[in-house]
Amino acid sequence: MSESALETAFTIDTSAIKYGPGITREAGYELARLGAKRAMVVTDPGLGTSDPVSVAMESLRREGIEAVLFDRVRVEPTDVSFREAIEFAVDGRFDGFVAVGGGSTIDTAKAANLYATHPAGFLAYVNAPIGEGRPVPGPLRPMVAIPTTAGTGSETTGVAIFDLVEMRAKTGIAHRALRPAVALVDPESTRSMPRMVAVCSGLDVLCHALESFTALPYHRREAPPNPALRPAYQGANPISDIWAQRAIEMVSRNILRAVEDPSDDEARGQMLLAATFAGIGFGNAGVHLPHGMSYPVSGNVREYVPEGYPPGRPLIPHGMAVALNAPAVFRFTAPVDPE
């Protein structure tokens, strides 16, 4: 590759972020400010009657927004569960979306918003080579994301991940248009998070930060033929590095406290903020081997039923699948830059 063909620019995109205990109560204000009148509220069956969902629904109604609940998100979603949410969104003719839950919920809401706004065959926007990798043709409808786990950072990213059941493969959709307009990062929303979910999601935060910090730098990647084709994941850069490093520091100080004592609001709040910080980092820089190697693990293991997740449903939590490979990867990459 010639020197002139290398990238010389990077961009930083993120959702608008509001952080603080009780900030969920501002969901209605934010969606009304963005012009929505009828909202699809997306969550999973375990959270359907929870405080975060109830508070968000009441906030929407207080602002005169019609709120319709969709509580059929699948933890570790599939193309089948994505399609169900998409059908609900298309039939409902919503002009706004609110996601209350973990990464599975937020990713499902992104997909529902995308296909309801820009209808296409299901594989049209899915990453190549599994899908067509078609660029999203324009803006989506306004979406507010309220994370209830400290893990994926999906509230700040333009990525939606799912299992393609027929291929037993994990893939996704990646485009900056998928990013929620607003992320309401509320420490009170993580109080009911089970211990094993806190462990797996916390490991996911750590890997997001480490991988984005050690990703191939943007200036060593091929330049796109035009700016519209610059990918969501552009490589490590000076700004993403700041967010990644800060997230690593926060995880190292708080993950054990947050796992061992669910009532430690300070530690859980710091882990939630670390997830958001890491999301800003990897949402622009990207991830690499631990995440790439996690997908065949998630796609092919069909017997393990983890504690704290939906009973009777075999799955490998995403954070666990990533962490299984991470030690070997970082032993392999460390000699390149030991510091």
Foldseek 3Di string as FASTA:
>chain_A
DDLVQFDDDFDFAWAAEDEEAPLLLCLLVVQVVLPWAEEEEWAAPVCCPPPSSVSNCVSNVVNNHHYDYDHHFDQQAALVNLVVLLVVLLVVVTQEYEFEEALSRLLSRLSNQQCSFPPDPPLDQWDPPVGVVHARPDATHAYEYEYQALAQLQQIAQKRWHQHQVVLWITIGHDRNSHHNYYYYHLVSNLPQALVSLVLRLLRLLQLLVFLLPWAALRRHGDDPDPSPCTQARAHDPVLNVLSVVLNVLSVVQSVVCNVDSPPSVSSSSSNVSSNSSCSNCSGNNGDDLQVQLTSVFSPDFDDDDPRHPPPGDGDNSSNSSVVCVVVVCVVVCVVPVD
